[in-house]
């Protein structure tokens, strides 16, 4: 087994190589953007079609190199975090004592402990705790429709294992700070799009790791610990008896957040010692995880959503061709409920965060929760 110093050196080498390739990709991409933009018409005359083609090929090669190195770096950094070299795993929080501040925060307006706590897990566009305006509007719509005995926990980053933001990552925070600054202040829309693409590519890699049977358990357990800490900080630490906290956890995931919910559900059930329910809307997930003890799974899908439909092809375990997969076993046990919304897409003007479908999705989530609570009672 390699020594700590050897693995640290390998991680440092991967970080430098990752940063170098990322900067090369960004520089070449900016060059292509400048050449193709209206402000670069005069500069375009200096380049022949062959030169531009060479730049595009170089951009593609850098992207092909950056993606696997980024994935290796993500796995290596999570292993380093697991072994304690990046601060160590956080301690499991203690249950709030009776009469403490945490207990007071969990009471509803009626003076009773909430029945459920919903943990919202955003899609791959998430880069920090603050949600985009359209997502915030959806969460506000959902919160106004929730019964008083159901609480909503938002502002949780599902694509970093540490309690910090992506900007504070030990290995790559310096790179993301520059990317976000460029995304916010650069006037060219294509540059902002390229920066947003880098963020989403990083989060897609995290989704892929979560679904992997070899490396996924490490990431999913670390994320479950992170959720436990947030539940404790907000006074929503579960209590199966219902005396000092919610009796059930609900993981509500949008898009790639559905995969993160599937991955950490069984770990949260064991850590919090309470039932855990999964709900997804426009979810993209594998269904490879342990689902036997999950209280239930509700899918809210749009009839015009190609991304969620592609998820079934990307993860063949959800196809009927593999009847012994974890997902198909859960389907036969009756754990899975599917709610279809006609005409809804994955995002944009016809997505779940649009003004047209925002109340429809919120109502579908609340109806599923109410039905599950009534069945449980």
Protein backbone atom coordinates (compact mmCIF):
# COMPACT_ATOMS: atom_id res chain seq x y z
CA UNK A 1 0.00 0.00 0.00
CA UNK A 2 1.48 3.41 -0.95
CA UNK A 3 2.50 5.77 1.83
CA UNK A 4 0.63 8.95 2.69
CA UNK A 5 3.36 11.15 1.26
CA UNK A 6 3.31 9.23 -2.03
CA UNK A 7 -0.46 9.57 -2.40
CA UNK A 8 -0.29 13.23 -1.45
CA UNK A 9 2.34 13.77 -4.15
CA UNK A 10 0.15 11.97 -6.68
CA UNK A 11 -2.85 14.09 -5.70
CA UNK A 12 -0.77 17.27 -5.98
CA UNK A 13 0.48 16.18 -9.40
CA UNK A 14 -3.08 15.46 -10.57
CA UNK A 15 -4.20 18.86 -9.29
CA UNK A 16 -1.46 20.69 -11.22
CA UNK A 17 -2.13 18.70 -14.40
CA UNK A 18 -5.89 19.26 -14.02
CA UNK A 19 -5.35 22.99 -13.59
CA UNK A 20 -2.98 23.23 -16.55
CA UNK A 21 -5.35 21.42 -18.90
CA UNK A 22 -8.31 23.43 -17.63
CA UNK A 23 -6.51 26.69 -18.31
CA UNK A 24 -5.41 25.51 -21.76
CA UNK A 25 -8.99 24.54 -22.55
CA UNK A 26 -10.24 27.91 -21.34
CA UNK A 27 -7.63 29.87 -23.30
CA UNK A 28 -8.21 27.95 -26.53
CA UNK A 29 -11.97 28.22 -26.07
CA UNK A 30 -11.73 31.97 -25.56
CA UNK A 31 -9.59 32.24 -28.68
CA UNK A 32 -12.23 30.42 -30.70
CA UNK A 33 -14.96 32.62 -29.20
CA UNK A 34 -13.09 35.82 -30.02
CA UNK A 35 -12.44 34.67 -33.55
CA UNK A 36 -16.08 33.68 -34.08
CA UNK A 37 -17.62 36.76 -32.40
CA UNK A 38 -18.66 39.94 -34.18
CA UNK A 39 -15.87 41.86 -32.47
CA UNK A 40 -13.34 39.50 -33.94
CA UNK A 41 -14.16 39.96 -37.62
CA UNK A 42 -10.84 41.68 -38.32
CA UNK A 43 -8.96 39.03 -36.36
CA UNK A 44 -10.77 36.35 -38.30
CA UNK A 45 -9.12 37.55 -41.50
CA UNK A 46 -5.72 36.63 -40.06
CA UNK A 47 -6.76 32.99 -39.72
CA UNK A 48 -7.47 30.59 -42.51
CA UNK A 49 -10.06 27.89 -42.35
CA UNK A 50 -7.28 25.39 -41.66
CA UNK A 51 -6.08 27.41 -38.65
CA UNK A 52 -9.56 27.61 -37.21
CA UNK A 53 -10.03 23.88 -37.75
CA UNK A 54 -6.77 23.20 -35.91
CA UNK A 55 -7.93 25.33 -32.98
CA UNK A 56 -11.20 23.42 -32.79
CA UNK A 57 -9.37 20.09 -32.89
CA UNK A 58 -7.03 21.25 -30.12
CA UNK A 59 -10.05 22.31 -28.09
CA UNK A 60 -11.59 18.86 -28.53
CA UNK A 61 -8.37 17.06 -27.55
CA UNK A 62 -8.01 19.19 -24.42
CA UNK A 63 -11.62 18.44 -23.47
CA UNK A 64 -11.08 14.71 -23.95
CA UNK A 65 -8.01 14.88 -21.71
CA UNK A 66 -9.61 17.12 -19.10
CA UNK A 67 -12.71 14.99 -18.50
CA UNK A 68 -10.94 11.74 -17.43
CA UNK A 69 -8.29 13.62 -15.44
CA UNK A 70 -11.04 15.57 -13.69
CA UNK A 71 -12.76 12.29 -12.83
CA UNK A 72 -9.52 10.77 -11.49
CA UNK A 73 -8.89 13.91 -9.45
CA UNK A 74 -12.42 13.76 -8.00
CA UNK A 75 -12.00 10.14 -6.93
CA UNK A 76 -8.51 10.78 -5.51
CA UNK A 77 -9.62 13.86 -3.57
CA UNK A 78 -12.57 11.96 -2.06
CA UNK A 79 -10.23 9.16 -1.03
CA UNK A 80 -7.91 11.73 0.58
CA UNK A 81 -10.90 13.26 2.37
CA UNK A 82 -11.99 9.80 3.51
CA UNK A 83 -8.57 9.00 4.99
CA UNK A 84 -8.45 12.29 6.89
CA UNK A 85 -5.86 14.16 4.82
CA UNK A 86 -8.28 16.93 3.82
CA UNK A 87 -9.77 17.57 7.24
CA UNK A 88 -11.25 14.13 7.87
CA UNK A 89 -14.81 12.88 7.98
CA UNK A 90 -17.10 15.01 10.14
CA UNK A 91 -18.39 13.50 13.34
CA UNK A 92 -21.99 12.35 13.37
CA UNK A 93 -23.93 15.10 15.19
CA UNK A 94 -25.58 14.32 18.48
CA UNK A 95 -29.34 14.32 18.84
CA UNK A 96 -30.50 17.64 20.35
CA UNK A 97 -31.35 17.37 24.03
CA UNK A 98 -34.91 17.85 25.17
CA UNK A 99 -35.69 21.51 25.77
CA UNK A 100 -32.66 22.69 23.79
CA UNK A 101 -32.68 25.28 21.02
CA UNK A 102 -32.65 22.55 18.36
CA UNK A 103 -35.87 21.12 19.79
CA UNK A 104 -37.56 24.54 19.79
CA UNK A 105 -36.69 25.05 16.12
CA UNK A 106 -38.41 21.83 15.08
CA UNK A 107 -41.81 22.75 16.45
CA UNK A 108 -44.49 23.96 14.10
CA UNK A 109 -46.93 26.82 14.57
CA UNK A 110 -49.23 24.33 16.27
CA UNK A 111 -46.55 23.48 18.82
CA UNK A 112 -45.95 19.97 17.45
CA UNK A 113 -42.87 18.41 15.91
CA UNK A 114 -42.92 18.19 12.10
CA UNK A 115 -43.86 14.89 10.55
CA UNK A 116 -41.35 15.12 7.68
CA UNK A 117 -38.29 17.09 6.63
CA UNK A 118 -37.67 17.59 2.91
CA UNK A 119 -34.05 17.92 1.79
CA UNK A 120 -33.85 19.59 -1.63
CA UNK A 121 -30.99 18.47 -3.91
CA UNK A 122 -30.47 20.70 -6.94
CA UNK A 123 -29.39 19.76 -10.46
CA UNK A 124 -25.94 19.84 -12.04
CA UNK A 125 -26.14 23.60 -12.62
CA UNK A 126 -25.57 24.21 -8.89
CA UNK A 127 -22.28 25.88 -7.96
CA UNK A 128 -23.01 27.35 -4.51
CA UNK A 129 -25.57 27.31 -1.72
CA UNK A 130 -27.66 30.13 -3.16
CA UNK A 131 -30.08 28.82 -5.76
CA UNK A 132 -30.75 30.61 -9.06
CA UNK A 133 -33.83 32.89 -9.07
CA UNK A 134 -36.07 30.43 -10.92
CA UNK A 135 -35.17 27.60 -8.55
CA UNK A 136 -35.71 29.88 -5.54
CA UNK A 137 -39.13 30.82 -6.90
CA UNK A 138 -40.04 27.14 -7.24
CA UNK A 139 -38.90 26.37 -3.70
CA UNK A 140 -40.93 29.30 -2.40
CA UNK A 141 -43.95 28.00 -4.29
CA UNK A 142 -43.41 24.55 -2.81
CA UNK A 143 -42.95 25.90 0.70
CA UNK A 144 -46.22 27.82 0.59
CA UNK A 145 -48.10 24.65 -0.42
CA UNK A 146 -46.55 22.37 2.19
CA UNK A 147 -48.63 21.44 5.25
CA UNK A 148 -47.40 22.95 8.54
CA UNK A 149 -46.02 19.59 9.69
CA UNK A 150 -43.54 19.34 6.76
CA UNK A 151 -40.34 21.39 6.72
CA UNK A 152 -38.13 22.19 3.73
CA UNK A 153 -34.32 22.26 3.94
CA UNK A 154 -32.72 24.07 1.00
CA UNK A 155 -29.33 25.56 0.19
CA UNK A 156 -27.45 22.25 0.36
CA UNK A 157 -24.66 21.63 -2.16
CA UNK A 158 -24.96 18.06 -3.35
CA UNK A 159 -21.78 17.96 -5.46
CA UNK A 160 -19.13 18.69 -2.81
CA UNK A 161 -18.36 16.32 0.02
CA UNK A 162 -16.98 18.99 2.34
CA UNK A 163 -19.34 21.35 4.20
CA UNK A 164 -18.01 24.20 2.03
CA UNK A 165 -18.79 25.50 -1.41
CA UNK A 166 -17.18 24.45 -4.67
CA UNK A 167 -15.17 27.68 -4.42
CA UNK A 168 -13.57 26.44 -1.18
CA UNK A 169 -12.43 23.05 -2.49
CA UNK A 170 -8.90 22.38 -1.28
CA UNK A 171 -7.56 21.24 -4.61
CA UNK A 172 -9.45 23.22 -7.23
CA UNK A 173 -10.95 26.22 -5.42
CA UNK A 174 -8.42 28.57 -7.00
CA UNK A 175 -9.57 27.51 -10.47
CA UNK A 176 -13.30 27.82 -9.73
CA UNK A 177 -12.87 31.29 -8.23
CA UNK A 178 -11.40 32.50 -11.51
CA UNK A 179 -14.03 30.72 -13.58
CA UNK A 180 -16.91 32.24 -11.57
CA UNK A 181 -15.36 35.70 -11.74
CA UNK A 182 -15.04 35.34 -15.51
CA UNK A 183 -18.60 34.05 -15.79
CA UNK A 184 -20.00 36.97 -13.79
CA UNK A 185 -18.08 39.89 -15.26
CA UNK A 186 -17.24 38.96 -18.86
CA UNK A 187 -19.59 40.67 -21.34
CA UNK A 188 -19.49 37.88 -23.93
CA UNK A 189 -22.37 35.44 -23.50
CA UNK A 190 -20.36 32.60 -25.06
CA UNK A 191 -17.66 32.99 -22.39
CA UNK A 192 -20.29 32.79 -19.66
CA UNK A 193 -21.71 29.70 -21.34
CA UNK A 194 -18.25 28.06 -21.44
CA UNK A 195 -17.75 28.73 -17.72
CA UNK A 196 -21.20 27.35 -16.88
CA UNK A 197 -20.37 24.28 -18.98
CA UNK A 198 -17.25 23.64 -16.87
CA UNK A 199 -19.33 23.72 -13.68
CA UNK A 200 -21.90 21.33 -15.10
CA UNK A 201 -19.19 18.99 -16.41
CA UNK A 202 -17.69 18.81 -12.92
CA UNK A 203 -21.08 18.00 -11.38
CA UNK A 204 -21.86 15.40 -14.05
CA UNK A 205 -18.66 13.60 -13.06
CA UNK A 206 -19.88 13.59 -9.44
CA UNK A 207 -23.18 12.05 -10.59
CA UNK A 208 -21.26 9.37 -12.45
CA UNK A 209 -19.13 8.59 -9.39
CA UNK A 210 -22.23 8.35 -7.21
CA UNK A 211 -23.74 5.73 -9.51
CA UNK A 212 -20.54 3.66 -9.62
CA UNK A 213 -20.58 0.55 -7.43
CA UNK A 214 -16.82 0.82 -6.68
CA UNK A 215 -16.33 4.48 -5.76
CA UNK A 216 -19.92 5.59 -5.23
CA UNK A 217 -20.28 4.34 -1.63
CA UNK A 218 -17.47 6.65 -0.45
CA UNK A 219 -19.04 9.73 -2.05
CA UNK A 220 -22.57 8.82 -0.98
CA UNK A 221 -21.60 8.18 2.64
CA UNK A 222 -19.72 11.49 2.80
CA UNK A 223 -22.75 13.31 1.38
CA UNK A 224 -25.01 11.59 3.90
CA UNK A 225 -22.79 12.86 6.72
CA UNK A 226 -22.98 16.34 5.22
CA UNK A 227 -26.79 16.20 5.18
CA UNK A 228 -26.78 15.01 8.80
CA UNK A 229 -24.73 18.03 9.83
CA UNK A 230 -27.12 20.41 8.08
CA UNK A 231 -30.12 18.71 9.69
CA UNK A 232 -28.51 19.14 13.09
CA UNK A 233 -27.60 22.79 12.44
CA UNK A 234 -31.15 23.67 11.42
CA UNK A 235 -32.80 21.75 14.27
CA UNK A 236 -34.28 19.09 11.97
CA UNK A 237 -32.43 16.06 13.29
CA UNK A 238 -34.93 13.20 12.89
CA UNK A 239 -36.53 11.36 15.76
CA UNK A 240 -38.57 8.25 14.89
CA UNK A 241 -40.73 8.84 17.98
CA UNK A 242 -41.67 12.33 16.79
CA UNK A 243 -40.92 13.87 20.18
CA UNK A 244 -38.02 16.15 19.19
CA UNK A 245 -37.85 16.16 15.40
CA UNK A 246 -39.32 14.88 12.14
CA UNK A 247 -40.19 11.21 11.93
CA UNK A 248 -39.32 10.87 8.26
CA UNK A 249 -36.83 12.31 5.76
CA UNK A 250 -37.74 13.05 2.17
CA UNK A 251 -34.96 13.54 -0.40
CA UNK A 252 -36.27 15.71 -3.24
CA UNK A 253 -33.88 15.72 -6.20
CA UNK A 254 -34.06 17.59 -9.48
CA UNK A 255 -32.21 16.14 -12.50
CA UNK A 256 -28.81 14.86 -11.28
CA UNK A 257 -29.91 15.54 -7.72
CA UNK A 258 -32.10 12.46 -8.10
CA UNK A 259 -28.98 10.29 -8.40
CA UNK A 260 -27.45 11.89 -5.31
CA UNK A 261 -30.71 11.18 -3.43
CA UNK A 262 -30.66 7.53 -4.51
CA UNK A 263 -27.04 7.19 -3.46
CA UNK A 264 -27.31 8.59 0.06
CA UNK A 265 -30.83 7.36 0.97
CA UNK A 266 -29.83 4.08 2.65
CA UNK A 267 -26.91 5.70 4.48
CA UNK A 268 -29.20 8.43 5.84
CA UNK A 269 -31.68 5.78 6.96
CA UNK A 270 -28.97 4.09 9.01
CA UNK A 271 -27.40 7.28 10.35
CA UNK A 272 -30.67 9.00 11.30
CA UNK A 273 -32.52 5.78 12.20
CA UNK A 274 -35.72 6.91 10.54
CA UNK A 275 -37.61 6.16 7.30
CA UNK A 276 -36.25 7.85 4.17
CA UNK A 277 -38.38 8.55 1.12
CA UNK A 278 -37.08 9.57 -2.33
CA UNK A 279 -38.82 11.98 -4.69
CA UNK A 280 -37.43 13.16 -8.02
CA UNK A 281 -38.68 15.49 -10.72
CA UNK A 282 -37.02 15.36 -14.13
CA UNK A 283 -34.64 12.96 -12.39
CA UNK A 284 -31.61 11.37 -14.05
CA UNK A 285 -30.41 8.44 -11.94
CA UNK A 286 -29.14 4.87 -12.16
CA UNK A 287 -31.18 3.02 -9.53
CA UNK A 288 -28.11 0.87 -8.78
CA UNK A 289 -28.12 1.60 -5.07
CA UNK A 290 -29.67 -0.30 -2.16
CA UNK A 291 -33.40 0.46 -2.30
CA UNK A 292 -34.94 -2.37 -0.27
CA UNK A 293 -35.36 -0.30 2.90
CA UNK A 294 -36.41 2.96 1.21
CA UNK A 295 -39.92 3.97 2.31
CA UNK A 296 -40.93 4.79 -1.26
CA UNK A 297 -39.82 6.38 -4.53
CA UNK A 298 -41.91 8.92 -6.45
CA UNK A 299 -40.94 10.05 -9.96
CA UNK A 300 -42.41 13.26 -11.35
CA UNK A 301 -41.55 13.30 -15.06
CA UNK A 302 -42.43 15.45 -18.04
CA UNK A 303 -43.82 13.90 -21.18
CA UNK A 304 -41.46 16.07 -23.29
CA UNK A 305 -38.33 15.57 -21.19
CA UNK A 306 -35.54 14.06 -23.35
CA UNK A 307 -32.86 14.27 -20.64
CA UNK A 308 -34.76 12.14 -18.12
CA UNK A 309 -35.66 9.72 -20.91
CA UNK A 310 -31.97 9.46 -21.86
CA UNK A 311 -31.23 8.47 -18.27
CA UNK A 312 -32.98 5.14 -18.80
CA UNK A 313 -30.66 4.43 -21.74
CA UNK A 314 -27.53 5.64 -19.96
CA UNK A 315 -28.32 3.39 -17.00
CA UNK A 316 -29.48 0.04 -18.44
CA UNK A 317 -30.31 -1.28 -14.96
CA UNK A 318 -33.62 0.56 -15.25
CA UNK A 319 -34.56 -1.31 -18.43
CA UNK A 320 -36.82 -4.36 -18.36
CA UNK A 321 -34.04 -6.39 -19.98
CA UNK A 322 -32.35 -6.73 -16.56
CA UNK A 323 -35.11 -7.97 -14.24
CA UNK A 324 -32.70 -8.68 -11.34
CA UNK A 325 -31.37 -5.12 -11.07
CA UNK A 326 -32.05 -3.18 -7.87
CA UNK A 327 -34.38 -0.80 -9.69
CA UNK A 328 -36.53 -3.52 -11.26
CA UNK A 329 -36.73 -5.37 -7.95
CA UNK A 330 -38.00 -2.21 -6.28
CA UNK A 331 -40.48 -1.83 -9.13
CA UNK A 332 -41.87 -5.32 -8.53
CA UNK A 333 -42.13 -4.65 -4.80
CA UNK A 334 -44.39 -1.69 -5.53
CA UNK A 335 -41.99 0.89 -4.08
CA UNK A 336 -42.00 3.13 -7.15
CA UNK A 337 -44.74 5.52 -8.20
CA UNK A 338 -44.61 7.50 -11.45
CA UNK A 339 -46.42 10.82 -11.98
CA UNK A 340 -46.39 12.21 -15.53
CA UNK A 341 -46.94 15.89 -16.38
CA UNK A 342 -48.09 16.45 -19.93
CA UNK A 343 -45.99 18.80 -22.04
CA UNK A 344 -43.26 19.49 -19.46
CA UNK A 345 -39.62 19.57 -20.59
CA UNK A 346 -36.39 19.27 -18.60
CA UNK A 347 -35.63 23.00 -18.33
CA UNK A 348 -36.25 26.31 -20.07
CA UNK A 349 -39.60 27.90 -20.81
CA UNK A 350 -41.41 24.57 -20.49
CA UNK A 351 -39.31 23.18 -17.64
CA UNK A 352 -40.33 22.55 -14.02
CA UNK A 353 -39.08 25.98 -12.90
CA UNK A 354 -41.05 27.93 -15.50
CA UNK A 355 -44.08 29.97 -14.48
CA UNK A 356 -46.33 27.56 -16.35
CA UNK A 357 -45.20 24.29 -14.70
CA UNK A 358 -43.87 25.55 -11.36
CA UNK A 359 -47.24 25.25 -9.55
CA UNK A 360 -48.01 21.95 -11.29
CA UNK A 361 -44.78 20.30 -10.10
CA UNK A 362 -45.16 21.75 -6.59
CA UNK A 363 -48.72 20.41 -6.39
CA UNK A 364 -47.59 16.97 -7.60
CA UNK A 365 -44.90 16.84 -4.91
CA UNK A 366 -47.30 17.91 -2.16
CA UNK A 367 -49.99 15.46 -3.30
CA UNK A 368 -47.48 12.58 -3.27
CA UNK A 369 -46.31 13.55 0.21
CA UNK A 370 -49.87 13.83 1.52
CA UNK A 371 -50.82 10.46 0.05
CA UNK A 372 -47.71 8.82 1.55
CA UNK A 373 -48.43 10.33 4.97
CA UNK A 374 -52.03 9.13 4.86
CA UNK A 375 -50.92 5.64 3.86
CA UNK A 376 -48.34 5.59 6.63
CA UNK A 377 -50.94 6.67 9.20
